């Protein structure tokens, strides 16, 4: 029980400490900037939770995984091979969309190429961790799927594209968000 609690709370603790340290060292930031940073932190923690938890440490966690319908033990590396409901496809697309919008707001000086690289590495990392986790748990965890990667990546890149369109067409509004 204690190990399970530690596994679930450790990322929240580490993330909140990083966020608090960031805010303390950047006191001169506007309230809007602090709100964006908080939303970004909350968003990242939520994505980690959705994609990597519950981690099956005990039989009850395995039952939870089965209850939510995660498929047992298969990894799909062939695009469009596995069937996916339109709801699943939409959720995979939407999941990293905010990352594409928020990355340039949070990391104002980062070059677009580097942001694109991060936007592609993020869904790849999620799928690799899910695949390794499923392999280590002998197929009793989440499934790695190339379709999830593609939809996550496209959602993130479209989020970045929308950010760039907004930045170009509404410079006054975007300058307020960038302060």
Foldseek 3Di string as FASTA:
>chain_A
DVVQVCVLCVVVVVLVVVLVVVCVVPVVDDPLLNVLSVVVSVLVSVLCCVLPPPQPPDPVRLVVQVVVPAFFADEAPDPPPDDDDPVRLVCLLQSQLVVLQSVCLNVVPDDPVVSLVCLLVVLVVSLVVQNVSCVVVVRSGHYRYVSSSVSSSNSSNVSNVVNVVCCVPPVVVVVVSND
